[in-house]
Each structure stands twice: as structure tokens, then as C-alpha cells.
Amino acid sequence: MPHSLLPYADVYATIISMGSVTGAKPAQSPAPVLCVDLDGTLIRSDLLWECFLVLLKSRPMSLLLIPVWLLAGPACVKRQLAARVSLDPSRLPYRQEVLELLRQEKAAGRRIALATAADRSLAEGIARYLGFFDEVHANDSHVNLKGANKGAFLANRYAQTGFEYVGDSSSDVEVWRIARSAYVVGNQHRAAQAAAVTTLKATFFEPRAAFYSSIRIWINALRGYHWAKNLLLFLPLALSHNLAAASLAKTFTGFVLYGSCASGLYILNDLLDLHSDREHPWKKKRPFAAGELSIPAGLLVSLILLLSALSLAFRLGVQFGLVLLGYAALTMLYSLYLKKIALLDVFVLSSFYSFRILAGALVSATPLSQWFLTFSMFLFLSLAMAKRYSDLVHASDLVKTGNSGRGYNTGDRELLLSLGVGSSFSAVVIFSLYVHSQDVRLLYSAPEFLFLLCPILLYWLSRTWLLAHRGELKEDPVTLAIRDPVSYGVALASAIVIAASMINSKL
């Protein structure tokens, strides 16, 4: 989001005029120290929640100790979290406009202090990384340096020189009340709060996003375009030529519940991958990695979606509920552990597609052909390998440094290419054998036309791998197909072939 530093010229003019006296030279006094808040001000995030996510991903059982830590107060929670995680300052979402202010003031010889309610060890690490700060004031294990506590501390610390304060939250109003002047990160309302208690020197406006922009951001976070994958739930109905209204209605309900569950899991996965995503060429633009959405909001929405979808799924059908629960559990295992195991990760990824097909078959009580299950296994394995191959192409620097969150080396690309292309050809061979089976003749009056699907499918898969090899595949192959005109042409050609195979041969 664009931000701008908007100084208040009339305030500066008033200050200058008050210091000017005809024939007198004003006495020189030390410039007030510039004190800068950290959470929400210097960075777009909150270190408490950043540490929470790191611990959730690395040592989730440790989170059970949080209620015990809370008995000793918020400062103790922050100290215990900081002691158990390793947070890289270079991967935090800094506000560039605040950094520019610090550069200017540092170049002018201004004394700058970092004053934060974050734990001292984390604050000092950030201060060393940035190199702007002369002093660091942060939490110890007993005192939570926030609000009135921070204001009283800074007033006592800088009683001789005074201080100016850069902040963003309502708790910072108590600090601004004591400060000589305020820099505000936020909107007009926060600026008005600061102006009511001190001199407002400048505001870094955080414009409130338009309604449609907020909706777009949340749709992106929920991976709305990935809901196209959930159309696989309708595939068993389509293959069995079952267009009964009751079956379609139940499948549509399953589609919504599966999509809600998957969206909740996507949010959780993005939060767990927050720090590695910030280093990724395009994943850094995701809403949580970019700081467009807060971590607490993401956790809350994820929890609501998961609990709602899973509870309603069992009301739709016990078998469907168990499949959705299995999908959610496997996805969590994948996000926490399995994605780090080379090759196993792509097998798990491919199984997520099969889960959708199985869920659609169960919710509509439609039997699945063994031929089709085998075909889909090889097909989706190829697509999963294409996705991982693309990651290795685009994030080779992260792979080399071991920060990709995956278990691959850059030299593994050739192997993935071979395995993925081999899986594509295996899927097409299995499909050609399926066309010979008796199951097909029960559904299609002219099944010989279905052989034309083999070159069509092989072309689409080969093209997908060609795009991956060229570095032009930057997303999941299935979601790419939604925006790919060639894929629509392939789908149209396939529909014509299927329609021809259903025409009565006597005609």
C-alpha cells in the first residue's frame, strides 16, 4: 500500500516564529531524542505474534505453557517466546517510510532510540540489523514497556532533553501526551488523537482500503481462485452421467464445505510459511507476508472456517466428514513436517486432489472406477511435481541457502523433471487402457472417440512441463489453467470428443 510522509507546514512555521526574536539570538539546546515504537510502527507486524507462529511451526507443544507464563504477566510471555525462537530481523516487514525518516534524522546527527514493548533480545537484534539506533529500551521479564509505563520511563530518561515519539496505536496516546511532539503512523483518527495531546509533527498516513480492495485482499488470502480445484467433487457425478437434482445439491453443499475448510488451511499454511514467503520472489506479495492483513485476524478466520466446515461436514455425512477431517489433518502434517521431506511432499500434494474426488464420490454415493483412481494418481502426481519443479526454478537462491522450507537441492530439478514427465505419460497410457475396458462401454455408445483424448491430454501435460522448464509456471498448474486461454481450448476440444463418444453409434 502506498504511504506518504505529510509534514504539517503550519506547525513548523509556528515553531520557527516563536523562536525568532528581533535582535536576539536564541540559546542553543539539545535536540529532543527521537524515540520510535517497533510493533505496528517500525514494522507492519507484531513480534509477539511473529514469535508465536515460529514456535507453532517448530515446537507446537511448547504453546501449552502460555497459560502458565501468563500468570507472571505479558512481559514474561514475551520473554519466554523470544527465548524459544530464532527470529531473523531481515525477514520482517519494515515500513519503508519510517526507515527513510530514520535515515534522514541519523544523517542530521539526531539521537535515536528504539522504545518498544517487545522483548529486549529481539529489539536489540533488530537495532543491530538496522544500525540507526543509539539506545534500545525494551521489555525485561517483569516490566511491560507499553502505554503509560513507556511514557513514564521515557519522561524520566529524557528529562533534560525531552523526546519526540513515533507511534501508531491507541496505547501510544499516553506516550504522546508526555512527548514534545508526535509522528503518527496510521489514519486521520489516530493523528487527531495525537494532535489533541501534543504537537503533531508529521503523519505517515495508512489509508483505509476501499471496500472492494479489502474484499480482494481477503479473497487472495482465502485463495478464492483455488476453489476451482474443488470442482473435482463433481467429477464422479460427471463420469457416471448422474445429473439427479438431489445428488447435485448434496455435492454443491460438499463443495462449499470443502472450499471453506481448504481456505482455512491455506491461511494457516501462509502464516506458518510467513518468514520464508517474505524471501520468495512472488509469495512475498501474499497478504500476510506483505503485512496487508494481521496475524491475529488470520488465525481467527482460519479457526472459524475450519471448525464450521468440519462440524457441518459430519452432518452432511459421516464418511464425507471423515474424509474432510483426514484432509485437514494431512494438510496440517504437511504444513508442519511433511513439506520438508523431499519427494514425500509431492506425493502428499497429489493426494489432496484425490481427496476431493473421493469426497465427491462419498457425498453423492457414486462408485468410482479403479481405472480412474489409478489414472488420477499419476496425473496429479505429475502436476504436483511440476509445481515443486517450478519452485526450484524460481527460488534457487532460497534453496541454496537452505531457507526454502523444502528438502530439495538445486540439482534435484532434473530428477523431478524426469519423474514428472514420466508420470504424465503413465497417466495417458492408463487412460488409453481404460478406454478398452468394459466399464467404458457401459457409459459410452461410441467409446472409440475417447482415444482422441489421449493426444489432447498429453499435449496439455507436455505444455505444462514446458512452461515449468522455461520458468513461466508461477503457480499451481490447476489454477494456472483457470487463466490460460490454451487450457480453455483444450477443455473445449475434450468436451467435443466426449460428446461425440456419447452419440449413439447407430446414428
Protein backbone atom coordinates (compact mmCIF):
# COMPACT_ATOMS: atom_id res chain seq x y z
CA MET A 1 0.00 0.00 0.00
CA PRO A 2 1.37 3.42 -0.82
CA HIS A 3 2.29 5.69 2.08
CA SER A 4 3.44 9.27 2.20
CA LEU A 5 5.13 11.50 4.76
CA LEU A 6 2.92 14.56 5.10
CA PRO A 7 4.59 17.23 7.30
CA TYR A 8 2.40 19.91 8.78
CA ALA A 9 3.93 23.13 7.40
CA ASP A 10 1.85 25.44 9.58
CA VAL A 11 3.11 23.72 12.72
CA TYR A 12 6.72 24.15 11.62
CA ALA A 13 6.05 27.83 10.77
CA THR A 14 4.58 28.47 14.24
CA ILE A 15 7.56 26.86 15.96
CA ILE A 16 10.02 28.90 13.89
CA SER A 17 8.19 32.17 14.51
CA MET A 18 8.05 31.55 18.28
CA GLY A 19 11.83 31.05 18.34
CA SER A 20 12.58 34.28 16.43
CA VAL A 21 13.10 37.46 18.43
CA THR A 22 14.32 40.68 16.84
CA GLY A 23 17.88 41.43 17.79
CA ALA A 24 18.23 38.31 19.96
CA LYS A 25 19.93 35.03 19.21
CA PRO A 26 18.04 32.03 20.66
CA ALA A 27 20.00 29.88 23.08
CA GLN A 28 21.05 26.51 21.68
CA SER A 29 19.52 23.49 23.41
CA PRO A 30 20.00 19.79 22.74
CA ALA A 31 17.61 18.37 20.18
CA PRO A 32 15.00 16.09 21.71
CA VAL A 33 15.72 12.38 21.28
CA LEU A 34 13.63 10.68 18.59
CA CYS A 35 12.00 7.60 20.15
CA VAL A 36 10.49 5.02 17.78
CA ASP A 37 7.97 2.31 18.56
CA LEU A 38 8.51 -1.12 16.98
CA ASP A 39 5.31 -3.18 16.60
CA GLY A 40 2.98 -1.64 14.04
CA THR A 41 5.27 1.38 13.60
CA LEU A 42 8.74 0.35 12.50
CA ILE A 43 7.33 -2.94 11.22
CA ARG A 44 3.88 -3.74 9.88
CA SER A 45 3.56 -6.72 12.17
CA ASP A 46 3.81 -7.61 15.87
CA LEU A 47 6.81 -9.51 17.24
CA LEU A 48 4.67 -11.33 19.79
CA TRP A 49 2.63 -12.95 17.04
CA GLU A 50 5.69 -13.45 14.85
CA CYS A 51 7.27 -15.48 17.68
CA PHE A 52 4.01 -17.34 18.25
CA LEU A 53 3.98 -18.52 14.63
CA VAL A 54 7.63 -19.60 14.70
CA LEU A 55 7.01 -21.63 17.87
CA LEU A 56 3.79 -23.09 16.42
CA LYS A 57 5.76 -24.34 13.44
CA SER A 58 8.91 -25.51 15.22
CA ARG A 59 7.79 -26.57 18.71
CA PRO A 60 3.97 -26.54 18.86
CA MET A 61 3.75 -28.42 22.17
CA SER A 62 5.55 -25.52 23.88
CA LEU A 63 2.48 -23.34 23.31
CA LEU A 64 0.69 -25.30 26.03
CA LEU A 65 2.88 -23.41 28.53
CA ILE A 66 1.44 -20.00 27.58
CA PRO A 67 -1.29 -20.06 30.29
CA VAL A 68 1.45 -20.68 32.89
CA TRP A 69 3.55 -17.82 31.53
CA LEU A 70 0.54 -15.50 31.57
CA LEU A 71 0.35 -15.85 35.35
CA ALA A 72 3.58 -13.82 35.51
CA GLY A 73 2.30 -11.16 33.10
CA PRO A 74 2.62 -10.20 29.42
CA ALA A 75 6.33 -9.39 29.71
CA CYS A 76 7.03 -12.94 30.87
CA VAL A 77 5.14 -14.38 27.87
CA LYS A 78 7.22 -12.27 25.50
CA ARG A 79 10.46 -13.26 27.21
CA GLN A 80 9.61 -16.98 27.12
CA LEU A 81 8.60 -16.86 23.45
CA ALA A 82 11.74 -14.92 22.49
CA ALA A 83 13.93 -17.42 24.36
CA ARG A 84 12.48 -20.32 22.36
CA VAL A 85 12.57 -18.96 18.82
CA SER A 86 15.11 -17.62 16.38
CA LEU A 87 13.73 -14.61 14.52
CA ASP A 88 15.66 -13.23 11.56
CA PRO A 89 15.42 -9.39 11.57
CA SER A 90 15.97 -9.29 7.81
CA ARG A 91 12.67 -11.12 7.23
CA LEU A 92 10.43 -8.62 8.98
CA PRO A 93 8.06 -6.30 7.04
CA TYR A 94 9.58 -2.87 7.72
CA ARG A 95 7.78 0.34 6.89
CA GLN A 96 9.98 1.99 4.29
CA GLU A 97 8.66 5.48 5.02
CA VAL A 98 9.67 5.17 8.69
CA LEU A 99 13.09 3.84 7.70
CA GLU A 100 13.53 6.87 5.44
CA LEU A 101 12.71 9.20 8.34
CA LEU A 102 15.33 7.46 10.48
CA ARG A 103 17.94 7.76 7.72
CA GLN A 104 17.31 11.49 7.41
CA GLU A 105 17.41 12.12 11.16
CA LYS A 106 20.51 9.97 11.62
CA ALA A 107 22.29 11.85 8.84
CA ALA A 108 21.39 15.12 10.59
CA GLY A 109 23.11 13.90 13.78
CA ARG A 110 19.91 13.24 15.69
CA ARG A 111 19.99 10.82 18.62
CA ILE A 112 17.51 7.97 18.01
CA ALA A 113 16.14 5.39 20.45
CA LEU A 114 14.06 2.27 19.89
CA ALA A 115 11.35 2.15 22.58
CA THR A 116 9.20 -0.96 22.45
CA ALA A 117 7.13 -3.40 24.47
CA ALA A 118 8.82 -6.26 22.63
CA ASP A 119 11.39 -8.40 24.41
CA ARG A 120 14.83 -6.85 24.74
CA SER A 121 16.70 -9.65 22.96
CA LEU A 122 14.55 -9.26 19.84
CA ALA A 123 14.63 -5.45 19.94
CA GLU A 124 18.41 -5.37 20.21
CA GLY A 125 18.74 -7.78 17.29
CA ILE A 126 16.60 -5.51 15.11
CA ALA A 127 18.55 -2.43 16.25
CA ARG A 128 21.85 -4.07 15.31
CA TYR A 129 20.46 -5.08 11.92
CA LEU A 130 19.19 -1.60 11.04
CA GLY A 131 22.05 0.39 12.55
CA PHE A 132 20.01 3.55 13.24
CA PHE A 133 19.58 3.38 17.00
CA ASP A 134 21.80 4.82 19.72
CA GLU A 135 19.74 3.29 22.52
CA VAL A 136 17.27 0.43 22.92
CA HIS A 137 14.55 0.44 25.59
CA ALA A 138 12.51 -2.74 25.71
CA ASN A 139 10.82 -5.25 28.00
CA ASP A 140 12.62 -7.25 30.60
CA SER A 141 10.95 -10.23 32.23
CA HIS A 142 8.94 -8.05 34.66
CA VAL A 143 8.02 -4.69 33.09
CA ASN A 144 5.84 -4.35 30.01
CA LEU A 145 7.07 -1.12 28.40
CA LYS A 146 3.75 -0.07 26.91
CA GLY A 147 1.33 2.85 27.22
CA ALA A 148 1.65 4.79 30.47
CA ASN A 149 4.64 2.65 31.56
CA LYS A 150 6.54 3.62 28.43
CA GLY A 151 5.56 7.28 28.76
CA ALA A 152 6.76 7.49 32.37
CA PHE A 153 10.03 5.71 31.54
CA LEU A 154 10.86 7.98 28.60
CA ALA A 155 9.92 11.13 30.52
CA ASN A 156 12.32 10.18 33.28
CA ARG A 157 15.03 9.00 30.87
CA TYR A 158 14.98 12.17 28.79
CA ALA A 159 14.07 14.74 31.43
CA GLN A 160 16.87 17.04 30.27
CA THR A 161 16.37 16.94 26.50
CA GLY A 162 12.80 15.80 26.10
CA PHE A 163 11.78 13.43 23.34
CA GLU A 164 9.66 13.09 20.23
CA TYR A 165 7.78 9.88 19.66
CA VAL A 166 6.87 7.84 16.58
CA GLY A 167 3.93 5.52 17.27
CA ASP A 168 0.80 4.00 15.82
CA SER A 169 -1.65 2.59 18.39
CA SER A 170 -4.16 3.90 20.91
CA SER A 171 -1.79 2.88 23.73
CA ASP A 172 0.74 5.35 22.30
CA VAL A 173 -1.56 8.28 23.15
CA GLU A 174 -0.23 8.16 26.73
CA VAL A 175 3.32 8.46 25.37
CA TRP A 176 2.42 11.31 23.01
CA ARG A 177 0.87 13.14 25.98
CA ILE A 178 4.34 13.42 27.55
CA ALA A 179 6.34 13.82 24.34
CA ARG A 180 7.30 17.19 22.88
CA SER A 181 5.80 16.24 19.53
CA ALA A 182 4.42 13.25 17.67
CA TYR A 183 4.98 11.35 14.46
CA VAL A 184 1.93 9.21 13.73
CA VAL A 185 1.70 6.03 11.70
CA GLY A 186 -1.98 5.49 10.98
CA ASN A 187 -5.09 7.25 9.78
CA GLN A 188 -6.71 10.64 10.40
CA HIS A 189 -8.35 9.42 13.59
CA ARG A 190 -5.04 8.43 15.15
CA ALA A 191 -3.49 11.72 14.01
CA ALA A 192 -6.33 13.62 15.69
CA GLN A 193 -5.73 11.69 18.93
CA ALA A 194 -2.07 12.67 18.89
CA ALA A 195 -2.80 16.29 17.99
CA ALA A 196 -5.16 16.55 20.98
CA VAL A 197 -2.36 15.85 23.47
CA THR A 198 0.81 17.22 21.83
CA THR A 199 2.23 18.91 18.75
CA LEU A 200 1.63 16.81 15.64
CA LYS A 201 4.80 16.99 13.59
CA ALA A 202 4.13 14.51 10.78
CA THR A 203 1.84 11.66 9.81
CA PHE A 204 2.54 8.56 7.80
CA PHE A 205 -0.95 8.01 6.57
CA GLU A 206 -2.15 4.41 6.42
CA PRO A 207 -5.11 4.94 4.07
CA ARG A 208 -8.14 2.87 4.82
CA ALA A 209 -8.57 0.40 1.95
CA ALA A 210 -11.69 0.74 -0.13
CA PHE A 211 -14.32 -1.91 0.49
CA TYR A 212 -13.68 -3.72 -2.78
CA SER A 213 -9.92 -3.65 -2.12
CA SER A 214 -10.42 -5.22 1.31
CA ILE A 215 -12.59 -7.92 -0.24
CA ARG A 216 -9.95 -8.56 -2.89
CA ILE A 217 -7.23 -8.88 -0.25
CA TRP A 218 -9.26 -11.39 1.76
CA ILE A 219 -10.19 -13.38 -1.35
CA ASN A 220 -6.49 -13.57 -2.12
CA ALA A 221 -5.75 -14.73 1.44
CA LEU A 222 -8.53 -17.33 1.26
CA ARG A 223 -7.16 -18.46 -2.12
CA GLY A 224 -10.56 -17.92 -3.74
CA TYR A 225 -9.16 -18.90 -7.14
CA HIS A 226 -8.15 -22.28 -5.66
CA TRP A 227 -11.81 -23.10 -5.17
CA ALA A 228 -11.70 -24.22 -8.80
CA LYS A 229 -9.91 -27.33 -7.54
CA ASN A 230 -12.99 -28.22 -5.54
CA LEU A 231 -14.90 -28.71 -8.79
CA LEU A 232 -13.28 -32.15 -8.68
CA LEU A 233 -16.04 -33.08 -6.23
CA PHE A 234 -18.46 -33.00 -9.19
CA LEU A 235 -16.24 -35.29 -11.29
CA PRO A 236 -17.72 -38.59 -10.02
CA LEU A 237 -21.20 -37.32 -10.97
CA ALA A 238 -19.98 -36.26 -14.41
CA LEU A 239 -18.21 -39.56 -15.09
CA SER A 240 -21.25 -41.58 -14.04
CA HIS A 241 -23.59 -39.27 -16.01
CA ASN A 242 -25.60 -38.68 -12.85
CA LEU A 243 -27.42 -35.34 -13.04
CA ALA A 244 -30.05 -36.01 -10.37
CA ALA A 245 -31.04 -32.84 -8.51
CA ALA A 246 -30.58 -34.39 -5.07
CA SER A 247 -27.06 -35.60 -5.89
CA LEU A 248 -26.10 -32.24 -7.37
CA ALA A 249 -27.44 -30.39 -4.31
CA LYS A 250 -25.51 -32.56 -1.85
CA THR A 251 -22.34 -32.26 -3.94
CA PHE A 252 -22.69 -28.48 -4.08
CA THR A 253 -23.00 -28.36 -0.29
CA GLY A 254 -19.90 -30.53 -0.06
CA PHE A 255 -18.17 -28.17 -2.49
CA VAL A 256 -18.82 -25.18 -0.20
CA LEU A 257 -17.71 -27.02 2.95
CA TYR A 258 -14.59 -28.38 1.30
CA GLY A 259 -13.72 -24.93 -0.03
CA SER A 260 -14.19 -23.35 3.39
CA CYS A 261 -12.00 -25.98 5.04
CA ALA A 262 -9.32 -25.60 2.35
CA SER A 263 -9.35 -21.79 2.66
CA GLY A 264 -8.89 -22.02 6.42
CA LEU A 265 -5.94 -24.35 5.87
CA TYR A 266 -4.44 -22.07 3.20
CA ILE A 267 -4.47 -19.17 5.68
CA LEU A 268 -2.84 -21.32 8.35
CA ASN A 269 -0.22 -22.56 5.89
CA ASP A 270 0.57 -18.98 4.80
CA LEU A 271 1.01 -17.95 8.42
CA LEU A 272 3.33 -20.85 9.14
CA ASP A 273 5.35 -20.04 6.00
CA LEU A 274 5.31 -16.31 6.74
CA HIS A 275 9.05 -15.79 7.08
CA SER A 276 10.15 -17.92 4.13
CA ASP A 277 7.42 -16.38 1.94
CA ARG A 278 8.88 -12.91 2.58
CA GLU A 279 12.05 -14.03 0.81
CA HIS A 280 10.25 -15.68 -2.11
CA PRO A 281 10.08 -13.87 -5.49
CA TRP A 282 6.28 -13.75 -5.65
CA LYS A 283 5.00 -15.30 -2.40
CA LYS A 284 6.22 -12.17 -0.58
CA LYS A 285 3.20 -10.39 -2.08
CA ARG A 286 0.73 -12.63 -0.26
CA PRO A 287 -1.45 -10.61 2.18
CA PHE A 288 0.07 -11.89 5.43
CA ALA A 289 3.67 -11.85 4.19
CA ALA A 290 3.21 -8.28 2.90
CA GLY A 291 1.57 -7.13 6.15
CA GLU A 292 -1.75 -6.28 4.48
CA LEU A 293 -3.58 -8.50 6.98
CA SER A 294 -2.73 -9.04 10.63
CA ILE A 295 -1.65 -12.36 12.09
CA PRO A 296 -4.41 -12.44 14.78
CA ALA A 297 -7.08 -11.80 12.14
CA GLY A 298 -5.71 -14.64 10.04
CA LEU A 299 -5.66 -17.08 12.95
CA LEU A 300 -9.23 -16.15 13.93
CA VAL A 301 -10.65 -16.51 10.40
CA SER A 302 -8.79 -19.78 9.89
CA LEU A 303 -10.17 -21.21 13.14
CA ILE A 304 -13.74 -20.16 12.32
CA LEU A 305 -13.61 -21.66 8.82
CA LEU A 306 -12.08 -24.94 9.96
CA LEU A 307 -14.43 -25.52 12.90
CA SER A 308 -17.52 -24.56 10.87
CA ALA A 309 -16.64 -26.70 7.85
CA LEU A 310 -15.68 -29.79 9.83
CA SER A 311 -18.71 -29.69 12.13
CA LEU A 312 -21.16 -29.23 9.24
CA ALA A 313 -19.39 -31.90 7.14
CA PHE A 314 -20.35 -34.63 9.60
CA ARG A 315 -23.97 -33.50 9.41
CA LEU A 316 -23.82 -33.92 5.65
CA GLY A 317 -22.49 -37.47 6.03
CA VAL A 318 -20.17 -39.33 8.39
CA GLN A 319 -17.98 -40.65 5.56
CA PHE A 320 -17.71 -37.21 3.98
CA GLY A 321 -16.86 -35.73 7.38
CA LEU A 322 -14.12 -38.29 7.94
CA VAL A 323 -12.60 -37.59 4.53
CA LEU A 324 -12.62 -33.84 5.18
CA LEU A 325 -11.13 -34.39 8.64
CA GLY A 326 -8.44 -36.62 7.12
CA TYR A 327 -7.69 -33.96 4.52
CA ALA A 328 -7.37 -31.29 7.22
CA ALA A 329 -5.13 -33.47 9.40
CA LEU A 330 -2.88 -34.45 6.48
CA THR A 331 -2.65 -30.81 5.39
CA MET A 332 -1.57 -29.78 8.88
CA LEU A 333 1.05 -32.52 8.95
CA TYR A 334 2.20 -31.36 5.53
CA SER A 335 2.48 -27.74 6.65
CA LEU A 336 4.39 -28.59 9.81
CA TYR A 337 6.58 -31.52 8.78
CA LEU A 338 5.95 -33.38 5.52
CA LYS A 339 6.70 -30.46 3.18
CA LYS A 340 10.32 -30.64 4.35
CA ILE A 341 10.75 -34.26 3.17
CA ALA A 342 11.85 -34.43 -0.47
CA LEU A 343 9.58 -36.46 -2.80
CA LEU A 344 7.18 -37.37 0.01
CA ASP A 345 5.89 -33.80 -0.17
CA VAL A 346 4.81 -34.14 -3.82
CA PHE A 347 3.06 -37.45 -3.13
CA VAL A 348 1.12 -35.76 -0.33
CA LEU A 349 0.34 -32.77 -2.58
CA SER A 350 -1.02 -35.06 -5.29
CA SER A 351 -3.19 -36.89 -2.74
CA PHE A 352 -5.03 -33.64 -1.95
CA TYR A 353 -6.63 -33.82 -5.41
CA SER A 354 -7.62 -37.44 -4.86
CA PHE A 355 -9.20 -36.46 -1.52
CA ARG A 356 -11.52 -34.12 -3.41
CA ILE A 357 -12.57 -36.80 -5.88
CA LEU A 358 -13.17 -39.29 -3.06
CA ALA A 359 -15.17 -36.71 -1.11
CA GLY A 360 -17.36 -36.05 -4.15
CA ALA A 361 -17.97 -39.77 -4.63
CA LEU A 362 -18.94 -40.26 -0.99
CA VAL A 363 -21.21 -37.26 -0.67
CA SER A 364 -23.13 -38.23 -3.82
CA ALA A 365 -22.93 -42.00 -3.19
CA THR A 366 -21.30 -42.52 -6.61
CA PRO A 367 -18.95 -45.52 -7.08
CA LEU A 368 -15.52 -44.76 -8.50
CA SER A 369 -13.78 -46.76 -11.19
CA GLN A 370 -10.44 -48.29 -10.17
CA TRP A 371 -9.14 -47.29 -13.57
CA PHE A 372 -9.96 -43.67 -12.89
CA LEU A 373 -8.39 -43.68 -9.42
CA THR A 374 -5.15 -45.05 -10.88
CA PHE A 375 -5.22 -42.54 -13.72
CA SER A 376 -5.81 -39.62 -11.37
CA MET A 377 -2.97 -40.73 -9.09
CA PHE A 378 -0.38 -40.44 -11.88
CA LEU A 379 -1.96 -37.31 -13.35
CA PHE A 380 -1.94 -35.35 -10.11
CA LEU A 381 1.49 -36.62 -9.15
CA SER A 382 2.81 -35.10 -12.37
CA LEU A 383 1.12 -31.76 -11.62
CA ALA A 384 2.45 -31.73 -8.05
CA MET A 385 5.97 -32.35 -9.34
CA ALA A 386 5.56 -29.55 -11.86
CA LYS A 387 4.65 -27.18 -9.01
CA ARG A 388 7.68 -28.21 -6.97
CA TYR A 389 9.96 -28.07 -10.02
CA SER A 390 8.77 -24.52 -10.65
CA ASP A 391 9.57 -23.59 -7.04
CA LEU A 392 13.13 -24.84 -7.50
CA VAL A 393 13.48 -22.79 -10.70
CA HIS A 394 12.25 -19.53 -9.19
CA ALA A 395 13.60 -19.79 -5.64
CA SER A 396 17.02 -21.27 -6.34
CA ASP A 397 18.72 -18.75 -4.01
CA LEU A 398 16.49 -19.79 -1.13
CA VAL A 399 17.17 -23.45 -1.88
CA LYS A 400 20.94 -22.85 -1.88
CA THR A 401 20.82 -21.09 1.50
CA GLY A 402 18.50 -23.71 2.99
CA ASN A 403 15.71 -21.17 3.61
CA SER A 404 13.14 -22.53 1.16
CA GLY A 405 11.37 -24.64 3.77
CA ARG A 406 11.69 -27.67 1.48
CA GLY A 407 14.03 -30.64 1.43
CA TYR A 408 15.46 -30.18 -2.06
CA ASN A 409 18.76 -29.12 -3.58
CA THR A 410 19.01 -27.17 -6.83
CA GLY A 411 20.42 -30.28 -8.52
CA ASP A 412 17.17 -32.15 -7.86
CA ARG A 413 15.35 -30.29 -10.63
CA GLU A 414 16.43 -32.75 -13.34
CA LEU A 415 15.14 -35.68 -11.30
CA LEU A 416 11.80 -34.00 -10.68
CA LEU A 417 11.57 -33.21 -14.38
CA SER A 418 12.13 -36.86 -15.30
CA LEU A 419 9.72 -38.22 -12.69
CA GLY A 420 7.04 -35.66 -13.52
CA VAL A 421 7.13 -36.17 -17.28
CA GLY A 422 7.17 -39.94 -16.74
CA SER A 423 4.06 -39.67 -14.56
CA SER A 424 2.33 -37.67 -17.32
CA PHE A 425 2.95 -40.40 -19.90
CA SER A 426 1.92 -43.09 -17.40
CA ALA A 427 -1.40 -41.33 -16.82
CA VAL A 428 -2.10 -41.18 -20.55
CA VAL A 429 -1.21 -44.86 -21.02
CA ILE A 430 -3.55 -45.84 -18.19
CA PHE A 431 -6.30 -43.76 -19.74
CA SER A 432 -5.85 -45.50 -23.09
CA LEU A 433 -6.18 -48.88 -21.35
CA TYR A 434 -9.28 -47.63 -19.56
CA VAL A 435 -10.90 -46.83 -22.91
CA HIS A 436 -10.57 -50.55 -23.74
CA SER A 437 -12.32 -51.63 -20.54
CA GLN A 438 -15.88 -52.88 -20.25
CA ASP A 439 -16.71 -50.05 -17.83
CA VAL A 440 -16.42 -47.52 -20.63
CA ARG A 441 -18.72 -49.41 -22.96
CA LEU A 442 -21.47 -49.28 -20.34
CA LEU A 443 -21.38 -45.48 -20.35
CA TYR A 444 -20.46 -44.52 -23.93
CA SER A 445 -22.07 -45.78 -27.10
CA ALA A 446 -19.06 -44.85 -29.25
CA PRO A 447 -16.05 -45.18 -26.89
CA GLU A 448 -13.55 -45.30 -29.77
CA PHE A 449 -13.78 -41.49 -29.94
CA LEU A 450 -12.33 -41.31 -26.43
CA PHE A 451 -8.93 -42.30 -27.81
CA LEU A 452 -8.70 -38.74 -29.16
CA LEU A 453 -8.46 -37.54 -25.56
CA CYS A 454 -5.05 -39.18 -25.26
CA PRO A 455 -3.15 -36.76 -27.55
CA ILE A 456 -5.18 -33.82 -26.20
CA LEU A 457 -4.30 -34.67 -22.61
CA LEU A 458 -0.69 -35.43 -23.50
CA TYR A 459 -0.38 -32.06 -25.23
CA TRP A 460 -1.71 -30.18 -22.20
CA LEU A 461 0.59 -32.01 -19.79
CA SER A 462 3.62 -31.58 -22.05
CA ARG A 463 2.89 -27.88 -22.40
CA THR A 464 2.59 -27.54 -18.63
CA TRP A 465 6.04 -29.03 -18.22
CA LEU A 466 7.39 -26.84 -20.99
CA LEU A 467 6.15 -23.75 -19.13
CA ALA A 468 7.69 -25.04 -15.90
CA HIS A 469 11.01 -25.70 -17.64
CA ARG A 470 11.02 -22.18 -19.11
CA GLY A 471 10.26 -20.66 -15.70
CA GLU A 472 6.83 -19.47 -16.83
CA LEU A 473 4.84 -21.60 -14.39
CA LYS A 474 4.48 -19.44 -11.29
CA GLU A 475 1.54 -21.14 -9.60
CA ASP A 476 -0.32 -24.37 -9.23
CA PRO A 477 -0.92 -25.88 -12.72
CA VAL A 478 -4.64 -26.32 -11.99
CA THR A 479 -5.11 -22.68 -11.01
CA LEU A 480 -2.99 -21.61 -13.98
CA ALA A 481 -5.47 -23.39 -16.25
CA ILE A 482 -8.23 -21.07 -15.00
CA ARG A 483 -6.49 -18.07 -16.58
CA ASP A 484 -4.92 -19.85 -19.54
CA PRO A 485 -6.70 -19.50 -22.92
CA VAL A 486 -4.92 -22.58 -24.28
CA SER A 487 -6.31 -24.66 -21.41
CA TYR A 488 -9.81 -23.48 -22.28
CA GLY A 489 -9.20 -24.58 -25.86
CA VAL A 490 -8.07 -28.00 -24.61
CA ALA A 491 -11.18 -28.24 -22.42
CA LEU A 492 -13.42 -27.37 -25.39
CA ALA A 493 -11.76 -29.98 -27.60
CA SER A 494 -12.16 -32.58 -24.83
CA ALA A 495 -15.84 -31.73 -24.44
CA ILE A 496 -16.42 -32.19 -28.17
CA VAL A 497 -14.70 -35.59 -28.07
CA ILE A 498 -16.74 -36.72 -25.06
CA ALA A 499 -19.96 -35.54 -26.73
CA ALA A 500 -19.06 -37.48 -29.88
CA SER A 501 -18.44 -40.64 -27.83
CA MET A 502 -21.90 -40.38 -26.32
CA ILE A 503 -23.68 -40.23 -29.70
CA ASN A 504 -25.48 -43.42 -30.48
CA SER A 505 -23.32 -45.32 -32.95
CA LYS A 506 -26.40 -46.22 -34.96
CA LEU A 507 -26.83 -42.58 -35.88
